[in-house]
Amino acid sequence: MEERLKFVARLLDGEKMAVLCREFDISRKTGYKILTRYNDSGLEGLTDRSRRPYRHANQLPFQIEKLIVRLKQDKPTWGAPKIRERLARLYPDVHRPAISTVHAVLDRHGMVERRKRRRNRATGTPLSNGCRPNDLWCADYKGEFGREHGRDRGSQTLDRSRPWQWRID
């Protein structure tokens, strides 16, 4: 606000808009906007304004949101698809929200139980340890990749008892 006040004070003293805007490193459009706000609202017009939007275009009306919550309270076992269909039957003239919107409303009000994810973990056979060098070897096929003269297959072999020694075939 301090910079805006200095800007307006120097404008009112008679300095040119273009010169001041260049000095304050703002566009002339912004300079005129600051001046207009000062002329309309005085010092209040120079304060920082909220950047929050005035309205949300896709926001669900609160009446429909209340209906969704009330339906879920009446029938706790119903999910979003069934609640959506019930809204369509009770109020056919009202635009019905998407299933994902109904679910988001229920989630926002804490009416959705999250399921635990089942994770299928692969269980392989454990590798046995070799007792002596060259007793057990492991191989890893890396696939095909191009070289200068044709294609080559890459693989890695490794002595299980000495994992620091490996070679690429």
C-alpha atoms as a PDB file:
ATOM      1  CA  MET A   1       0.000   0.000   0.000  1.00  0.00           C
ATOM      2  CA  GLU A   2       2.913   2.307   0.748  1.00  0.00           C
ATOM      3  CA  GLU A   3       4.189   2.165  -2.835  1.00  0.00           C
ATOM      4  CA  ARG A   4       0.716   2.812  -4.221  1.00  0.00           C
ATOM      5  CA  LEU A   5       0.324   5.809  -1.925  1.00  0.00           C
ATOM      6  CA  LYS A   6       3.652   7.262  -3.105  1.00  0.00           C
ATOM      7  CA  PHE A   7       2.607   6.632  -6.704  1.00  0.00           C
ATOM      8  CA  VAL A   8      -0.723   8.455  -6.273  1.00  0.00           C
ATOM      9  CA  ALA A   9       0.883  11.319  -4.326  1.00  0.00           C
ATOM     10  CA  ARG A  10       3.400  11.950  -7.092  1.00  0.00           C
ATOM     11  CA  LEU A  11       0.642  11.744  -9.722  1.00  0.00           C
ATOM     12  CA  LEU A  12      -1.391  14.340  -7.821  1.00  0.00           C
ATOM     13  CA  ASP A  13       1.716  16.555  -7.671  1.00  0.00           C
ATOM     14  CA  GLY A  14       1.586  16.717 -11.463  1.00  0.00           C
ATOM     15  CA  GLU A  15       4.087  14.126 -12.678  1.00  0.00           C
ATOM     16  CA  LYS A  16       3.325  12.282 -15.901  1.00  0.00           C
ATOM     17  CA  MET A  17       1.738   8.813 -15.780  1.00  0.00           C
ATOM     18  CA  ALA A  18       4.106   7.146 -18.281  1.00  0.00           C
ATOM     19  CA  VAL A  19       7.248   8.371 -16.474  1.00  0.00           C
ATOM     20  CA  LEU A  20       5.966   7.286 -13.062  1.00  0.00           C
ATOM     21  CA  CYS A  21       4.865   3.864 -14.350  1.00  0.00           C
ATOM     22  CA  ARG A  22       8.308   3.298 -15.851  1.00  0.00           C
ATOM     23  CA  GLU A  23       9.969   4.334 -12.589  1.00  0.00           C
ATOM     24  CA  PHE A  24       7.696   2.126 -10.434  1.00  0.00           C
ATOM     25  CA  ASP A  25       8.083  -0.715 -12.959  1.00  0.00           C
ATOM     26  CA  ILE A  26       4.368  -1.187 -13.604  1.00  0.00           C
ATOM     27  CA  SER A  27       2.282  -0.996 -16.746  1.00  0.00           C
ATOM     28  CA  ARG A  28       0.294   2.143 -17.530  1.00  0.00           C
ATOM     29  CA  LYS A  29      -2.868   0.067 -17.335  1.00  0.00           C
ATOM     30  CA  THR A  30      -2.002  -0.802 -13.720  1.00  0.00           C
ATOM     31  CA  GLY A  31      -1.140   2.822 -13.009  1.00  0.00           C
ATOM     32  CA  TYR A  32      -4.523   4.013 -14.253  1.00  0.00           C
ATOM     33  CA  LYS A  33      -6.234   1.241 -12.265  1.00  0.00           C
ATOM     34  CA  ILE A  34      -4.512   2.421  -9.063  1.00  0.00           C
ATOM     35  CA  LEU A  35      -5.491   6.025  -9.776  1.00  0.00           C
ATOM     36  CA  THR A  36      -9.125   5.075 -10.505  1.00  0.00           C
ATOM     37  CA  ARG A  37      -9.371   3.085  -7.271  1.00  0.00           C
ATOM     38  CA  TYR A  38      -7.969   6.051  -5.335  1.00  0.00           C
ATOM     39  CA  ASN A  39     -10.458   8.437  -6.968  1.00  0.00           C
ATOM     40  CA  ASP A  40     -13.376   6.064  -6.252  1.00  0.00           C
ATOM     41  CA  SER A  41     -12.541   4.907  -2.709  1.00  0.00           C
ATOM     42  CA  GLY A  42      -9.793   7.141  -1.361  1.00  0.00           C
ATOM     43  CA  LEU A  43      -7.124   5.456   0.781  1.00  0.00           C
ATOM     44  CA  GLU A  44      -9.321   2.348   1.144  1.00  0.00           C
ATOM     45  CA  GLY A  45      -8.929   1.744  -2.595  1.00  0.00           C
ATOM     46  CA  LEU A  46      -5.158   1.390  -2.225  1.00  0.00           C
ATOM     47  CA  THR A  47      -5.265  -1.521   0.229  1.00  0.00           C
ATOM     48  CA  ASP A  48      -4.633  -5.091  -0.918  1.00  0.00           C
ATOM     49  CA  ARG A  49      -7.741  -6.872  -2.105  1.00  0.00           C
ATOM     50  CA  SER A  50      -8.678 -10.496  -1.696  1.00  0.00           C
ATOM     51  CA  ARG A  51      -7.871 -12.674  -4.697  1.00  0.00           C
ATOM     52  CA  ARG A  52     -10.675 -15.046  -3.865  1.00  0.00           C
ATOM     53  CA  PRO A  53     -13.254 -15.252  -6.661  1.00  0.00           C
ATOM     54  CA  TYR A  54     -16.646 -13.681  -6.061  1.00  0.00           C
ATOM     55  CA  ARG A  55     -18.477 -16.780  -7.247  1.00  0.00           C
ATOM     56  CA  HIS A  56     -17.732 -20.314  -8.368  1.00  0.00           C
ATOM     57  CA  ALA A  57     -19.330 -21.206 -11.680  1.00  0.00           C
ATOM     58  CA  ASN A  58     -19.657 -24.939 -11.002  1.00  0.00           C
ATOM     59  CA  GLN A  59     -20.480 -24.771  -7.310  1.00  0.00           C
ATOM     60  CA  LEU A  60     -23.419 -26.921  -6.261  1.00  0.00           C
ATOM     61  CA  PRO A  61     -26.309 -24.950  -4.726  1.00  0.00           C
ATOM     62  CA  PHE A  62     -26.378 -25.387  -0.960  1.00  0.00           C
ATOM     63  CA  GLN A  63     -30.004 -26.605  -1.067  1.00  0.00           C
ATOM     64  CA  ILE A  64     -29.021 -29.619  -3.198  1.00  0.00           C
ATOM     65  CA  GLU A  65     -26.033 -30.239  -0.978  1.00  0.00           C
ATOM     66  CA  LYS A  66     -28.329 -30.291   2.062  1.00  0.00           C
ATOM     67  CA  LEU A  67     -30.630 -32.753   0.278  1.00  0.00           C
ATOM     68  CA  ILE A  68     -27.700 -35.068  -0.486  1.00  0.00           C
ATOM     69  CA  VAL A  69     -26.561 -34.997   3.137  1.00  0.00           C
ATOM     70  CA  ARG A  70     -30.115 -35.569   4.423  1.00  0.00           C
ATOM     71  CA  LEU A  71     -30.628 -38.533   2.068  1.00  0.00           C
ATOM     72  CA  LYS A  72     -27.376 -40.087   3.253  1.00  0.00           C
ATOM     73  CA  GLN A  73     -28.378 -39.575   6.887  1.00  0.00           C
ATOM     74  CA  ASP A  74     -31.737 -41.265   6.220  1.00  0.00           C
ATOM     75  CA  LYS A  75     -30.159 -44.162   4.301  1.00  0.00           C
ATOM     76  CA  PRO A  76     -26.555 -44.613   5.509  1.00  0.00           C
ATOM     77  CA  THR A  77     -25.981 -47.675   3.306  1.00  0.00           C
ATOM     78  CA  TRP A  78     -26.692 -45.789   0.074  1.00  0.00           C
ATOM     79  CA  GLY A  79     -23.815 -44.603  -2.039  1.00  0.00           C
ATOM     80  CA  ALA A  80     -23.451 -41.738  -4.479  1.00  0.00           C
ATOM     81  CA  PRO A  81     -25.116 -43.429  -7.520  1.00  0.00           C
ATOM     82  CA  LYS A  82     -28.263 -44.355  -5.601  1.00  0.00           C
ATOM     83  CA  ILE A  83     -28.527 -40.929  -3.943  1.00  0.00           C
ATOM     84  CA  ARG A  84     -28.181 -39.275  -7.349  1.00  0.00           C
ATOM     85  CA  GLU A  85     -31.002 -41.381  -8.789  1.00  0.00           C
ATOM     86  CA  ARG A  86     -33.184 -40.658  -5.767  1.00  0.00           C
ATOM     87  CA  LEU A  87     -32.652 -36.924  -6.286  1.00  0.00           C
ATOM     88  CA  ALA A  88     -33.671 -37.314  -9.939  1.00  0.00           C
ATOM     89  CA  ARG A  89     -36.910 -39.070  -8.936  1.00  0.00           C
ATOM     90  CA  LEU A  90     -37.826 -36.674  -6.134  1.00  0.00           C
ATOM     91  CA  TYR A  91     -36.947 -33.480  -8.027  1.00  0.00           C
ATOM     92  CA  PRO A  92     -37.102 -34.129 -11.792  1.00  0.00           C
ATOM     93  CA  ASP A  93     -36.980 -30.431 -12.687  1.00  0.00           C
ATOM     94  CA  VAL A  94     -33.699 -29.836 -10.807  1.00  0.00           C
ATOM     95  CA  HIS A  95     -30.435 -30.468 -12.616  1.00  0.00           C
ATOM     96  CA  ARG A  96     -28.927 -33.554 -11.015  1.00  0.00           C
ATOM     97  CA  PRO A  97     -25.223 -33.507 -10.190  1.00  0.00           C
ATOM     98  CA  ALA A  98     -22.709 -36.061 -11.389  1.00  0.00           C
ATOM     99  CA  ILE A  99     -21.975 -39.127  -9.272  1.00  0.00           C
ATOM    100  CA  SER A 100     -18.489 -37.804  -8.554  1.00  0.00           C
ATOM    101  CA  THR A 101     -20.005 -34.538  -7.276  1.00  0.00           C
ATOM    102  CA  VAL A 102     -22.385 -36.398  -4.956  1.00  0.00           C
ATOM    103  CA  HIS A 103     -19.447 -38.452  -3.698  1.00  0.00           C
ATOM    104  CA  ALA A 104     -17.386 -35.284  -3.132  1.00  0.00           C
ATOM    105  CA  VAL A 105     -20.225 -33.749  -1.086  1.00  0.00           C
ATOM    106  CA  LEU A 106     -20.504 -36.892   1.035  1.00  0.00           C
ATOM    107  CA  ASP A 107     -16.741 -36.977   1.482  1.00  0.00           C
ATOM    108  CA  ARG A 108     -16.666 -33.308   2.489  1.00  0.00           C
ATOM    109  CA  HIS A 109     -19.216 -34.017   5.226  1.00  0.00           C
ATOM    110  CA  GLY A 110     -17.332 -37.089   6.441  1.00  0.00           C
ATOM    111  CA  MET A 111     -19.972 -39.589   5.317  1.00  0.00           C
ATOM    112  CA  VAL A 112     -17.719 -41.791   3.206  1.00  0.00           C
ATOM    113  CA  GLU A 113     -15.752 -44.675   4.653  1.00  0.00           C
ATOM    114  CA  ARG A 114     -12.468 -45.220   2.913  1.00  0.00           C
ATOM    115  CA  ARG A 115     -11.712 -48.806   2.065  1.00  0.00           C
ATOM    116  CA  LYS A 116      -8.301 -50.201   2.718  1.00  0.00           C
ATOM    117  CA  ARG A 117      -6.433 -50.966  -0.463  1.00  0.00           C
ATOM    118  CA  ARG A 118      -5.679 -54.606  -0.934  1.00  0.00           C
ATOM    119  CA  ARG A 119      -2.183 -55.003  -2.150  1.00  0.00           C
ATOM    120  CA  ASN A 120      -1.202 -58.142  -3.951  1.00  0.00           C
ATOM    121  CA  ARG A 121       2.418 -58.623  -3.236  1.00  0.00           C
ATOM    122  CA  ALA A 122       4.358 -61.079  -5.288  1.00  0.00           C
ATOM    123  CA  THR A 123       5.916 -63.858  -3.313  1.00  0.00           C
ATOM    124  CA  GLY A 124       8.871 -65.464  -4.975  1.00  0.00           C
ATOM    125  CA  THR A 125      11.082 -68.282  -3.921  1.00  0.00           C
ATOM    126  CA  PRO A 126      13.945 -67.233  -1.688  1.00  0.00           C
ATOM    127  CA  LEU A 127      17.410 -67.517  -3.182  1.00  0.00           C
ATOM    128  CA  SER A 128      19.724 -69.989  -1.580  1.00  0.00           C
ATOM    129  CA  ASN A 129      23.230 -68.943  -0.733  1.00  0.00           C
ATOM    130  CA  GLY A 130      26.143 -70.675  -2.359  1.00  0.00           C
ATOM    131  CA  CYS A 131      28.749 -72.078  -0.031  1.00  0.00           C
ATOM    132  CA  ARG A 132      31.724 -71.680  -2.368  1.00  0.00           C
ATOM    133  CA  PRO A 133      32.581 -69.502  -5.349  1.00  0.00           C
ATOM    134  CA  ASN A 134      30.964 -70.647  -8.600  1.00  0.00           C
ATOM    135  CA  ASP A 135      28.476 -72.736  -6.616  1.00  0.00           C
ATOM    136  CA  LEU A 136      25.407 -70.635  -7.515  1.00  0.00           C
ATOM    137  CA  TRP A 137      25.049 -68.169 -10.384  1.00  0.00           C
ATOM    138  CA  CYS A 138      22.246 -65.668 -11.008  1.00  0.00           C
ATOM    139  CA  ALA A 139      21.327 -64.357 -14.450  1.00  0.00           C
ATOM    140  CA  ASP A 140      19.336 -61.286 -15.447  1.00  0.00           C
ATOM    141  CA  TYR A 141      18.144 -60.869 -19.043  1.00  0.00           C
ATOM    142  CA  LYS A 142      18.109 -57.169 -19.963  1.00  0.00           C
ATOM    143  CA  GLY A 143      16.396 -57.384 -23.360  1.00  0.00           C
ATOM    144  CA  GLU A 144      17.550 -56.390 -26.819  1.00  0.00           C
ATOM    145  CA  PHE A 145      19.296 -53.144 -27.605  1.00  0.00           C
ATOM    146  CA  GLY A 146      20.984 -51.776 -30.707  1.00  0.00           C
ATOM    147  CA  ARG A 147      24.706 -51.615 -31.332  1.00  0.00           C
ATOM    148  CA  GLU A 148      26.681 -50.395 -34.307  1.00  0.00           C
ATOM    149  CA  HIS A 149      26.496 -53.696 -36.177  1.00  0.00           C
ATOM    150  CA  GLY A 150      23.051 -55.174 -35.668  1.00  0.00           C
ATOM    151  CA  ARG A 151      21.165 -56.048 -32.507  1.00  0.00           C
ATOM    152  CA  ASP A 152      22.621 -57.486 -29.348  1.00  0.00           C
ATOM    153  CA  ARG A 153      21.091 -59.165 -26.335  1.00  0.00           C
ATOM    154  CA  GLY A 154      22.212 -57.928 -22.969  1.00  0.00           C
ATOM    155  CA  SER A 155      22.330 -60.029 -19.858  1.00  0.00           C
ATOM    156  CA  GLN A 156      24.059 -59.880 -16.535  1.00  0.00           C
ATOM    157  CA  THR A 157      25.447 -62.872 -14.691  1.00  0.00           C
ATOM    158  CA  LEU A 158      26.671 -62.811 -11.160  1.00  0.00           C
ATOM    159  CA  ASP A 159      28.262 -65.270  -8.763  1.00  0.00           C
ATOM    160  CA  ARG A 160      25.927 -65.378  -5.749  1.00  0.00           C
ATOM    161  CA  SER A 161      28.723 -65.968  -3.261  1.00  0.00           C
ATOM    162  CA  ARG A 162      30.722 -63.002  -4.634  1.00  0.00           C
ATOM    163  CA  PRO A 163      28.136 -60.327  -5.586  1.00  0.00           C
ATOM    164  CA  TRP A 164      30.808 -57.708  -6.191  1.00  0.00           C
ATOM    165  CA  GLN A 165      31.966 -59.648  -9.236  1.00  0.00           C
ATOM    166  CA  TRP A 166      29.643 -59.501 -12.204  1.00  0.00           C
ATOM    167  CA  ARG A 167      29.947 -59.499 -15.947  1.00  0.00           C
ATOM    168  CA  ILE A 168      27.801 -58.428 -18.865  1.00  0.00           C
ATOM    169  CA  ASP A 169      27.489 -60.862 -21.787  1.00  0.00           C
END
